[in-house]
Amino acid sequence: MASIIKASLNLDAIPKDKIYIGKKGKYLPITITINDELDQFGNQGPVVVEQTKEERDQKSAKTYLGNIKVVWSNGTNVDAAPREGAPAQAAPVNNEPDLPF
């Protein structure tokens, strides 16, 4: 585990037309952004309703649901999940010499 992230969501802001029914229940696709800097309230990023490619291309306004705070981290972070159709990422190269001196 690399981090524990706390979030608060405004359930009244959820657009009902974005909820879809899956095999095990109802789902809302969201996007969480972790920023490098804290905002004025100590938050580290927003939680927004995921936008379609068309919405992003049209520069549609995002629907903000809330904010996140990283409350614990072991100092590392996880790698991004691979995207469909994207080439696999190469393993990191260790540039450390393995000489004992």
PDB file of N, CA and C in Angstrom:
ATOM      1  N   MET A   1       0.857  -1.169   0.000  1.00  0.00           N
ATOM      2  CA  MET A   1       0.000   0.000   0.000  1.00  0.00           C
ATOM      3  C   MET A   1       0.900   1.227   0.000  1.00  0.00           C
ATOM      4  N   ALA A   2       0.592   2.178  -0.825  1.00  0.00           N
ATOM      5  CA  ALA A   2       1.424   3.362  -0.922  1.00  0.00           C
ATOM      6  C   ALA A   2       0.812   4.561  -0.217  1.00  0.00           C
ATOM      7  N   SER A   3      -0.492   4.666  -0.164  1.00  0.00           N
ATOM      8  CA  SER A   3      -1.126   5.844   0.426  1.00  0.00           C
ATOM      9  C   SER A   3      -2.520   5.503   0.944  1.00  0.00           C
ATOM     10  N   ILE A   4      -2.946   6.268   1.921  1.00  0.00           N
ATOM     11  CA  ILE A   4      -4.345   6.249   2.354  1.00  0.00           C
ATOM     12  C   ILE A   4      -4.883   7.640   2.060  1.00  0.00           C
ATOM     13  N   ILE A   5      -5.988   7.678   1.333  1.00  0.00           N
ATOM     14  CA  ILE A   5      -6.567   8.945   0.906  1.00  0.00           C
ATOM     15  C   ILE A   5      -7.974   9.054   1.465  1.00  0.00           C
ATOM     16  N   LYS A   6      -8.264  10.193   2.074  1.00  0.00           N
ATOM     17  CA  LYS A   6      -9.590  10.469   2.642  1.00  0.00           C
ATOM     18  C   LYS A   6     -10.323  11.403   1.689  1.00  0.00           C
ATOM     19  N   ALA A   7     -11.625  11.164   1.491  1.00  0.00           N
ATOM     20  CA  ALA A   7     -12.416  12.009   0.603  1.00  0.00           C
ATOM     21  C   ALA A   7     -13.773  12.287   1.228  1.00  0.00           C
ATOM     22  N   SER A   8     -14.319  13.440   0.884  1.00  0.00           N
ATOM     23  CA  SER A   8     -15.693  13.789   1.234  1.00  0.00           C
ATOM     24  C   SER A   8     -16.397  14.150  -0.060  1.00  0.00           C
ATOM     25  N   LEU A   9     -17.575  13.560  -0.277  1.00  0.00           N
ATOM     26  CA  LEU A   9     -18.321  13.796  -1.509  1.00  0.00           C
ATOM     27  C   LEU A   9     -19.664  14.432  -1.204  1.00  0.00           C
ATOM     28  N   ASN A  10     -20.059  15.362  -2.057  1.00  0.00           N
ATOM     29  CA  ASN A  10     -21.379  15.981  -1.974  1.00  0.00           C
ATOM     30  C   ASN A  10     -22.327  15.126  -2.807  1.00  0.00           C
ATOM     31  N   LEU A  11     -23.101  14.287  -2.168  1.00  0.00           N
ATOM     32  CA  LEU A  11     -23.996  13.372  -2.881  1.00  0.00           C
ATOM     33  C   LEU A  11     -25.085  14.107  -3.648  1.00  0.00           C
ATOM     34  N   ASP A  12     -25.426  15.317  -3.220  1.00  0.00           N
ATOM     35  CA  ASP A  12     -26.439  16.094  -3.929  1.00  0.00           C
ATOM     36  C   ASP A  12     -25.940  16.572  -5.290  1.00  0.00           C
ATOM     37  N   ALA A  13     -24.621  16.593  -5.488  1.00  0.00           N
ATOM     38  CA  ALA A  13     -24.047  17.075  -6.752  1.00  0.00           C
ATOM     39  C   ALA A  13     -23.955  15.988  -7.821  1.00  0.00           C
ATOM     40  N   ILE A  14     -24.266  14.750  -7.474  1.00  0.00           N
ATOM     41  CA  ILE A  14     -24.149  13.652  -8.445  1.00  0.00           C
ATOM     42  C   ILE A  14     -25.227  13.787  -9.512  1.00  0.00           C
ATOM     43  N   PRO A  15     -24.802  13.900 -10.786  1.00  0.00           N
ATOM     44  CA  PRO A  15     -25.790  13.954 -11.864  1.00  0.00           C
ATOM     45  C   PRO A  15     -26.367  12.554 -12.108  1.00  0.00           C
ATOM     46  N   LYS A  16     -27.656  12.427 -11.978  1.00  0.00           N
ATOM     47  CA  LYS A  16     -28.315  11.112 -12.083  1.00  0.00           C
ATOM     48  C   LYS A  16     -28.106  10.468 -13.450  1.00  0.00           C
ATOM     49  N   ASP A  17     -27.927  11.286 -14.501  1.00  0.00           N
ATOM     50  CA  ASP A  17     -27.763  10.722 -15.844  1.00  0.00           C
ATOM     51  C   ASP A  17     -26.390  10.088 -16.047  1.00  0.00           C
ATOM     52  N   LYS A  18     -25.461  10.287 -15.122  1.00  0.00           N
ATOM     53  CA  LYS A  18     -24.133   9.684 -15.224  1.00  0.00           C
ATOM     54  C   LYS A  18     -24.050   8.335 -14.513  1.00  0.00           C
ATOM     55  N   ILE A  19     -25.060   8.003 -13.719  1.00  0.00           N
ATOM     56  CA  ILE A  19     -25.083   6.724 -13.019  1.00  0.00           C
ATOM     57  C   ILE A  19     -25.486   5.640 -14.015  1.00  0.00           C
ATOM     58  N   TYR A  20     -24.716   4.557 -14.018  1.00  0.00           N
ATOM     59  CA  TYR A  20     -25.074   3.445 -14.909  1.00  0.00           C
ATOM     60  C   TYR A  20     -25.194   2.163 -14.097  1.00  0.00           C
ATOM     61  N   ILE A  21     -25.938   1.216 -14.653  1.00  0.00           N
ATOM     62  CA  ILE A  21     -26.173  -0.055 -13.981  1.00  0.00           C
ATOM     63  C   ILE A  21     -25.200  -1.089 -14.532  1.00  0.00           C
ATOM     64  N   GLY A  22     -24.463  -1.708 -13.625  1.00  0.00           N
ATOM     65  CA  GLY A  22     -23.517  -2.761 -13.974  1.00  0.00           C
ATOM     66  C   GLY A  22     -24.024  -4.095 -13.468  1.00  0.00           C
ATOM     67  N   LYS A  23     -23.169  -5.087 -13.528  1.00  0.00           N
ATOM     68  CA  LYS A  23     -23.555  -6.438 -13.116  1.00  0.00           C
ATOM     69  C   LYS A  23     -23.825  -6.550 -11.619  1.00  0.00           C
ATOM     70  N   LYS A  24     -23.155  -5.727 -10.809  1.00  0.00           N
ATOM     71  CA  LYS A  24     -23.286  -5.859  -9.359  1.00  0.00           C
ATOM     72  C   LYS A  24     -23.889  -4.648  -8.680  1.00  0.00           C
ATOM     73  N   GLY A  25     -24.427  -3.714  -9.451  1.00  0.00           N
ATOM     74  CA  GLY A  25     -25.035  -2.550  -8.824  1.00  0.00           C
ATOM     75  C   GLY A  25     -24.995  -1.322  -9.697  1.00  0.00           C
ATOM     76  N   LYS A  26     -25.191  -0.174  -9.086  1.00  0.00           N
ATOM     77  CA  LYS A  26     -25.166   1.105  -9.785  1.00  0.00           C
ATOM     78  C   LYS A  26     -23.807   1.751  -9.569  1.00  0.00           C
ATOM     79  N   TYR A  27     -23.277   2.378 -10.621  1.00  0.00           N
ATOM     80  CA  TYR A  27     -21.932   2.949 -10.581  1.00  0.00           C
ATOM     81  C   TYR A  27     -21.931   4.386 -11.079  1.00  0.00           C
ATOM     82  N   LEU A  28     -20.981   5.160 -10.553  1.00  0.00           N
ATOM     83  CA  LEU A  28     -20.734   6.515 -11.005  1.00  0.00           C
ATOM     84  C   LEU A  28     -19.247   6.612 -11.314  1.00  0.00           C
ATOM     85  N   PRO A  29     -18.882   6.828 -12.575  1.00  0.00           N
ATOM     86  CA  PRO A  29     -17.459   6.958 -12.892  1.00  0.00           C
ATOM     87  C   PRO A  29     -16.940   8.309 -12.412  1.00  0.00           C
ATOM     88  N   ILE A  30     -15.865   8.284 -11.634  1.00  0.00           N
ATOM     89  CA  ILE A  30     -15.281   9.511 -11.102  1.00  0.00           C
ATOM     90  C   ILE A  30     -13.807   9.579 -11.476  1.00  0.00           C
ATOM     91  N   THR A  31     -13.247  10.770 -11.354  1.00  0.00           N
ATOM     92  CA  THR A  31     -11.821  10.996 -11.546  1.00  0.00           C
ATOM     93  C   THR A  31     -11.300  11.704 -10.311  1.00  0.00           C
ATOM     94  N   ILE A  32     -10.175  11.205  -9.775  1.00  0.00           N
ATOM     95  CA  ILE A  32      -9.545  11.801  -8.610  1.00  0.00           C
ATOM     96  C   ILE A  32      -8.174  12.311  -9.038  1.00  0.00           C
ATOM     97  N   THR A  33      -7.888  13.559  -8.705  1.00  0.00           N
ATOM     98  CA  THR A  33      -6.600  14.164  -9.023  1.00  0.00           C
ATOM     99  C   THR A  33      -5.854  14.438  -7.725  1.00  0.00           C
ATOM    100  N   ILE A  34      -4.574  14.037  -7.683  1.00  0.00           N
ATOM    101  CA  ILE A  34      -3.731  14.358  -6.537  1.00  0.00           C
ATOM    102  C   ILE A  34      -2.730  15.411  -6.990  1.00  0.00           C
ATOM    103  N   ASN A  35      -2.854  16.606  -6.431  1.00  0.00           N
ATOM    104  CA  ASN A  35      -1.972  17.716  -6.779  1.00  0.00           C
ATOM    105  C   ASN A  35      -0.710  17.697  -5.925  1.00  0.00           C
ATOM    106  N   ASP A  36       0.325  18.364  -6.398  1.00  0.00           N
ATOM    107  CA  ASP A  36       1.580  18.456  -5.652  1.00  0.00           C
ATOM    108  C   ASP A  36       1.480  19.432  -4.488  1.00  0.00           C
ATOM    109  N   GLU A  37       0.618  20.432  -4.609  1.00  0.00           N
ATOM    110  CA  GLU A  37       0.489  21.475  -3.593  1.00  0.00           C
ATOM    111  C   GLU A  37      -0.876  21.406  -2.917  1.00  0.00           C
ATOM    112  N   LEU A  38      -0.924  21.821  -1.657  1.00  0.00           N
ATOM    113  CA  LEU A  38      -2.194  21.907  -0.930  1.00  0.00           C
ATOM    114  C   LEU A  38      -2.947  23.154  -1.359  1.00  0.00           C
ATOM    115  N   ASP A  39      -4.283  23.085  -1.325  1.00  0.00           N
ATOM    116  CA  ASP A  39      -5.054  24.300  -1.571  1.00  0.00           C
ATOM    117  C   ASP A  39      -5.189  25.066  -0.255  1.00  0.00           C
ATOM    118  N   GLN A  40      -5.947  26.145  -0.271  1.00  0.00           N
ATOM    119  CA  GLN A  40      -6.063  26.997   0.918  1.00  0.00           C
ATOM    120  C   GLN A  40      -6.730  26.300   2.100  1.00  0.00           C
ATOM    121  N   PHE A  41      -7.418  25.177   1.838  1.00  0.00           N
ATOM    122  CA  PHE A  41      -8.093  24.447   2.903  1.00  0.00           C
ATOM    123  C   PHE A  41      -7.341  23.183   3.318  1.00  0.00           C
ATOM    124  N   GLY A  42      -6.155  22.970   2.750  1.00  0.00           N
ATOM    125  CA  GLY A  42      -5.364  21.784   3.075  1.00  0.00           C
ATOM    126  C   GLY A  42      -5.717  20.559   2.260  1.00  0.00           C
ATOM    127  N   ASN A  43      -6.533  20.725   1.224  1.00  0.00           N
ATOM    128  CA  ASN A  43      -6.902  19.609   0.355  1.00  0.00           C
ATOM    129  C   ASN A  43      -5.831  19.405  -0.708  1.00  0.00           C
ATOM    130  N   GLN A  44      -5.711  18.169  -1.178  1.00  0.00           N
ATOM    131  CA  GLN A  44      -4.686  17.852  -2.162  1.00  0.00           C
ATOM    132  C   GLN A  44      -5.247  17.571  -3.552  1.00  0.00           C
ATOM    133  N   GLY A  45      -6.537  17.666  -3.718  1.00  0.00           N
ATOM    134  CA  GLY A  45      -7.086  17.481  -5.052  1.00  0.00           C
ATOM    135  C   GLY A  45      -8.586  17.314  -5.039  1.00  0.00           C
ATOM    136  N   PRO A  46      -9.176  17.368  -6.226  1.00  0.00           N
ATOM    137  CA  PRO A  46     -10.628  17.243  -6.351  1.00  0.00           C
ATOM    138  C   PRO A  46     -11.071  15.838  -6.742  1.00  0.00           C
ATOM    139  N   VAL A  47     -12.349  15.590  -6.489  1.00  0.00           N
ATOM    140  CA  VAL A  47     -13.048  14.417  -7.020  1.00  0.00           C
ATOM    141  C   VAL A  47     -14.099  14.978  -7.965  1.00  0.00           C
ATOM    142  N   VAL A  48     -14.070  14.560  -9.228  1.00  0.00           N
ATOM    143  CA  VAL A  48     -15.015  15.054 -10.222  1.00  0.00           C
ATOM    144  C   VAL A  48     -15.675  13.880 -10.925  1.00  0.00           C
ATOM    145  N   VAL A  49     -16.827  14.133 -11.523  1.00  0.00           N
ATOM    146  CA  VAL A  49     -17.490  13.124 -12.340  1.00  0.00           C
ATOM    147  C   VAL A  49     -16.679  12.981 -13.627  1.00  0.00           C
ATOM    148  N   GLU A  50     -16.392  11.752 -14.003  1.00  0.00           N
ATOM    149  CA  GLU A  50     -15.610  11.500 -15.210  1.00  0.00           C
ATOM    150  C   GLU A  50     -16.303  12.088 -16.431  1.00  0.00           C
ATOM    151  N   GLN A  51     -15.518  12.700 -17.302  1.00  0.00           N
ATOM    152  CA  GLN A  51     -16.069  13.269 -18.531  1.00  0.00           C
ATOM    153  C   GLN A  51     -15.787  12.349 -19.712  1.00  0.00           C
ATOM    154  N   THR A  52     -16.701  12.349 -20.669  1.00  0.00           N
ATOM    155  CA  THR A  52     -16.474  11.618 -21.907  1.00  0.00           C
ATOM    156  C   THR A  52     -15.470  12.387 -22.759  1.00  0.00           C
ATOM    157  N   LYS A  53     -14.938  11.749 -23.777  1.00  0.00           N
ATOM    158  CA  LYS A  53     -14.008  12.427 -24.690  1.00  0.00           C
ATOM    159  C   LYS A  53     -14.690  13.635 -25.329  1.00  0.00           C
ATOM    160  N   GLU A  54     -15.945  13.476 -25.691  1.00  0.00           N
ATOM    161  CA  GLU A  54     -16.683  14.578 -26.305  1.00  0.00           C
ATOM    162  C   GLU A  54     -16.814  15.754 -25.344  1.00  0.00           C
ATOM    163  N   GLU A  55     -17.101  15.476 -24.070  1.00  0.00           N
ATOM    164  CA  GLU A  55     -17.210  16.549 -23.072  1.00  0.00           C
ATOM    165  C   GLU A  55     -15.871  17.257 -22.882  1.00  0.00           C
ATOM    166  N   ARG A  56     -14.795  16.479 -22.875  1.00  0.00           N
ATOM    167  CA  ARG A  56     -13.462  17.102 -22.748  1.00  0.00           C
ATOM    168  C   ARG A  56     -13.146  17.942 -23.976  1.00  0.00           C
ATOM    169  N   ASP A  57     -13.451  17.432 -25.175  1.00  0.00           N
ATOM    170  CA  ASP A  57     -13.178  18.179 -26.407  1.00  0.00           C
ATOM    171  C   ASP A  57     -13.978  19.481 -26.462  1.00  0.00           C
ATOM    172  N   GLN A  58     -15.203  19.459 -25.929  1.00  0.00           N
ATOM    173  CA  GLN A  58     -16.053  20.653 -25.927  1.00  0.00           C
ATOM    174  C   GLN A  58     -15.728  21.586 -24.761  1.00  0.00           C
ATOM    175  N   LYS A  59     -14.761  21.178 -23.926  1.00  0.00           N
ATOM    176  CA  LYS A  59     -14.378  21.970 -22.744  1.00  0.00           C
ATOM    177  C   LYS A  59     -15.565  22.208 -21.811  1.00  0.00           C
ATOM    178  N   SER A  60     -16.410  21.173 -21.664  1.00  0.00           N
ATOM    179  CA  SER A  60     -17.563  21.261 -20.769  1.00  0.00           C
ATOM    180  C   SER A  60     -17.100  21.434 -19.327  1.00  0.00           C
ATOM    181  N   ALA A  61     -17.894  22.131 -18.540  1.00  0.00           N
ATOM    182  CA  ALA A  61     -17.568  22.333 -17.131  1.00  0.00           C
ATOM    183  C   ALA A  61     -17.570  20.994 -16.396  1.00  0.00           C
ATOM    184  N   LYS A  62     -16.635  20.827 -15.470  1.00  0.00           N
ATOM    185  CA  LYS A  62     -16.566  19.609 -14.675  1.00  0.00           C
ATOM    186  C   LYS A  62     -17.575  19.685 -13.535  1.00  0.00           C
ATOM    187  N   THR A  63     -18.072  18.514 -13.125  1.00  0.00           N
ATOM    188  CA  THR A  63     -18.956  18.426 -11.975  1.00  0.00           C
ATOM    189  C   THR A  63     -18.121  18.000 -10.778  1.00  0.00           C
ATOM    190  N   TYR A  64     -17.869  18.945  -9.873  1.00  0.00           N
ATOM    191  CA  TYR A  64     -17.065  18.676  -8.684  1.00  0.00           C
ATOM    192  C   TYR A  64     -17.927  18.031  -7.607  1.00  0.00           C
ATOM    193  N   LEU A  65     -17.426  16.932  -7.041  1.00  0.00           N
ATOM    194  CA  LEU A  65     -18.150  16.222  -5.994  1.00  0.00           C
ATOM    195  C   LEU A  65     -17.534  16.425  -4.617  1.00  0.00           C
ATOM    196  N   GLY A  66     -16.262  16.760  -4.572  1.00  0.00           N
ATOM    197  CA  GLY A  66     -15.616  16.920  -3.282  1.00  0.00           C
ATOM    198  C   GLY A  66     -14.114  17.034  -3.421  1.00  0.00           C
ATOM    199  N   ASN A  67     -13.418  16.810  -2.299  1.00  0.00           N
ATOM    200  CA  ASN A  67     -11.973  16.959  -2.233  1.00  0.00           C
ATOM    201  C   ASN A  67     -11.341  15.763  -1.553  1.00  0.00           C
ATOM    202  N   ILE A  68     -10.015  15.639  -1.736  1.00  0.00           N
ATOM    203  CA  ILE A  68      -9.275  14.556  -1.102  1.00  0.00           C
ATOM    204  C   ILE A  68      -8.127  15.103  -0.277  1.00  0.00           C
ATOM    205  N   LYS A  69      -7.696  14.295   0.686  1.00  0.00           N
ATOM    206  CA  LYS A  69      -6.488  14.558   1.469  1.00  0.00           C
ATOM    207  C   LYS A  69      -5.752  13.234   1.610  1.00  0.00           C
ATOM    208  N   VAL A  70      -4.456  13.256   1.380  1.00  0.00           N
ATOM    209  CA  VAL A  70      -3.633  12.084   1.653  1.00  0.00           C
ATOM    210  C   VAL A  70      -3.336  12.116   3.146  1.00  0.00           C
ATOM    211  N   VAL A  71      -3.813  11.107   3.881  1.00  0.00           N
ATOM    212  CA  VAL A  71      -3.637  11.103   5.330  1.00  0.00           C
ATOM    213  C   VAL A  71      -2.484  10.219   5.767  1.00  0.00           C
ATOM    214  N   TRP A  72      -1.962   9.373   4.872  1.00  0.00           N
ATOM    215  CA  TRP A  72      -0.797   8.556   5.170  1.00  0.00           C
ATOM    216  C   TRP A  72      -0.163   8.132   3.863  1.00  0.00           C
ATOM    217  N   SER A  73       1.160   8.088   3.854  1.00  0.00           N
ATOM    218  CA  SER A  73       1.892   7.607   2.692  1.00  0.00           C
ATOM    219  C   SER A  73       3.189   6.988   3.161  1.00  0.00           C
ATOM    220  N   ASN A  74       3.618   5.931   2.479  1.00  0.00           N
ATOM    221  CA  ASN A  74       4.897   5.326   2.829  1.00  0.00           C
ATOM    222  C   ASN A  74       6.036   5.960   2.039  1.00  0.00           C
ATOM    223  N   GLY A  75       5.735   7.052   1.330  1.00  0.00           N
ATOM    224  CA  GLY A  75       6.763   7.774   0.600  1.00  0.00           C
ATOM    225  C   GLY A  75       6.911   7.363  -0.845  1.00  0.00           C
ATOM    226  N   THR A  76       6.181   6.358  -1.247  1.00  0.00           N
ATOM    227  CA  THR A  76       6.201   5.942  -2.646  1.00  0.00           C
ATOM    228  C   THR A  76       4.788   6.016  -3.181  1.00  0.00           C
ATOM    229  N   ASN A  77       4.652   5.860  -4.453  1.00  0.00           N
ATOM    230  CA  ASN A  77       3.324   5.851  -5.048  1.00  0.00           C
ATOM    231  C   ASN A  77       3.241   4.694  -6.024  1.00  0.00           C
ATOM    232  N   VAL A  78       2.069   4.329  -6.387  1.00  0.00           N
ATOM    233  CA  VAL A  78       1.860   3.207  -7.293  1.00  0.00           C
ATOM    234  C   VAL A  78       2.013   3.660  -8.735  1.00  0.00           C
ATOM    235  N   ASP A  79       2.337   2.735  -9.632  1.00  0.00           N
ATOM    236  CA  ASP A  79       2.417   3.031 -11.056  1.00  0.00           C
ATOM    237  C   ASP A  79       1.012   3.205 -11.618  1.00  0.00           C
ATOM    238  N   ALA A  80       0.913   3.963 -12.682  1.00  0.00           N
ATOM    239  CA  ALA A  80      -0.366   4.140 -13.362  1.00  0.00           C
ATOM    240  C   ALA A  80      -0.810   2.812 -13.959  1.00  0.00           C
ATOM    241  N   ALA A  81      -2.114   2.577 -13.959  1.00  0.00           N
ATOM    242  CA  ALA A  81      -2.652   1.363 -14.567  1.00  0.00           C
ATOM    243  C   ALA A  81      -2.462   1.443 -16.070  1.00  0.00           C
ATOM    244  N   PRO A  82      -2.163   0.317 -16.709  1.00  0.00           N
ATOM    245  CA  PRO A  82      -1.987   0.349 -18.168  1.00  0.00           C
ATOM    246  C   PRO A  82      -3.300   0.667 -18.869  1.00  0.00           C
ATOM    247  N   ARG A  83      -3.201   1.406 -19.959  1.00  0.00           N
ATOM    248  CA  ARG A  83      -4.378   1.740 -20.752  1.00  0.00           C
ATOM    249  C   ARG A  83      -4.543   0.714 -21.853  1.00  0.00           C
ATOM    250  N   GLU A  84      -5.784   0.489 -22.240  1.00  0.00           N
ATOM    251  CA  GLU A  84      -6.040  -0.440 -23.336  1.00  0.00           C
ATOM    252  C   GLU A  84      -5.393   0.083 -24.608  1.00  0.00           C
ATOM    253  N   GLY A  85      -4.679  -0.795 -25.311  1.00  0.00           N
ATOM    254  CA  GLY A  85      -4.069  -0.423 -26.570  1.00  0.00           C
ATOM    255  C   GLY A  85      -2.761   0.326 -26.435  1.00  0.00           C
ATOM    256  N   ALA A  86      -2.367   0.659 -25.216  1.00  0.00           N
ATOM    257  CA  ALA A  86      -1.104   1.376 -25.007  1.00  0.00           C
ATOM    258  C   ALA A  86       0.015   0.364 -24.831  1.00  0.00           C
ATOM    259  N   PRO A  87       1.209   0.689 -25.304  1.00  0.00           N
ATOM    260  CA  PRO A  87       2.327  -0.236 -25.109  1.00  0.00           C
ATOM    261  C   PRO A  87       2.666  -0.362 -23.634  1.00  0.00           C
ATOM    262  N   ALA A  88       3.140  -1.526 -23.246  1.00  0.00           N
ATOM    263  CA  ALA A  88       3.518  -1.760 -21.858  1.00  0.00           C
ATOM    264  C   ALA A  88       4.722  -0.891 -21.513  1.00  0.00           C
ATOM    265  N   GLN A  89       4.748  -0.423 -20.278  1.00  0.00           N
ATOM    266  CA  GLN A  89       5.871   0.395 -19.840  1.00  0.00           C
ATOM    267  C   GLN A  89       7.051  -0.501 -19.523  1.00  0.00           C
ATOM    268  N   ALA A  90       8.225  -0.027 -19.880  1.00  0.00           N
ATOM    269  CA  ALA A  90       9.439  -0.773 -19.579  1.00  0.00           C
ATOM    270  C   ALA A  90       9.729  -0.691 -18.085  1.00  0.00           C
ATOM    271  N   ALA A  91      10.388  -1.720 -17.579  1.00  0.00           N
ATOM    272  CA  ALA A  91      10.771  -1.719 -16.173  1.00  0.00           C
ATOM    273  C   ALA A  91      11.788  -0.611 -15.933  1.00  0.00           C
ATOM    274  N   PRO A  92      11.773   0.000 -14.755  1.00  0.00           N
ATOM    275  CA  PRO A  92      12.735   1.066 -14.481  1.00  0.00           C
ATOM    276  C   PRO A  92      14.159   0.532 -14.551  1.00  0.00           C
ATOM    277  N   VAL A  93      15.049   1.376 -15.030  1.00  0.00           N
ATOM    278  CA  VAL A  93      16.448   1.006 -15.162  1.00  0.00           C
ATOM    279  C   VAL A  93      17.173   1.407 -13.894  1.00  0.00           C
ATOM    280  N   ASN A  94      17.936   0.474 -13.341  1.00  0.00           N
ATOM    281  CA  ASN A  94      18.723   0.770 -12.146  1.00  0.00           C
ATOM    282  C   ASN A  94      20.091   1.253 -12.599  1.00  0.00           C
ATOM    283  N   ASN A  95      20.358   2.549 -12.400  1.00  0.00           N
ATOM    284  CA  ASN A  95      21.623   3.132 -12.804  1.00  0.00           C
ATOM    285  C   ASN A  95      22.679   3.064 -11.710  1.00  0.00           C
ATOM    286  N   GLU A  96      22.353   2.426 -10.593  1.00  0.00           N
ATOM    287  CA  GLU A  96      23.288   2.307  -9.501  1.00  0.00           C
ATOM    288  C   GLU A  96      24.359   1.277  -9.849  1.00  0.00           C
ATOM    289  N   PRO A  97      25.614   1.614  -9.695  1.00  0.00           N
ATOM    290  CA  PRO A  97      26.647   0.610  -9.931  1.00  0.00           C
ATOM    291  C   PRO A  97      26.594  -0.445  -8.835  1.00  0.00           C
ATOM    292  N   ASP A  98      26.858  -1.680  -9.203  1.00  0.00           N
ATOM    293  CA  ASP A  98      26.818  -2.738  -8.189  1.00  0.00           C
ATOM    294  C   ASP A  98      28.225  -3.086  -7.711  1.00  0.00           C
ATOM    295  N   LEU A  99      29.104  -2.084  -7.706  1.00  0.00           N
ATOM    296  CA  LEU A  99      30.450  -2.259  -7.195  1.00  0.00           C
ATOM    297  C   LEU A  99      30.436  -1.994  -5.693  1.00  0.00           C
ATOM    298  N   PRO A 100      31.213  -2.721  -4.918  1.00  0.00           N
ATOM    299  CA  PRO A 100      31.179  -2.536  -3.462  1.00  0.00           C
ATOM    300  C   PRO A 100      31.930  -1.303  -2.980  1.00  0.00           C
ATOM    301  N   PHE A 101      32.524  -0.509  -3.873  1.00  0.00           N
ATOM    302  CA  PHE A 101      33.279   0.679  -3.450  1.00  0.00           C
ATOM    303  C   PHE A 101      32.858   1.896  -4.192  1.00  0.00           C
TER     304      PHE A 101
END
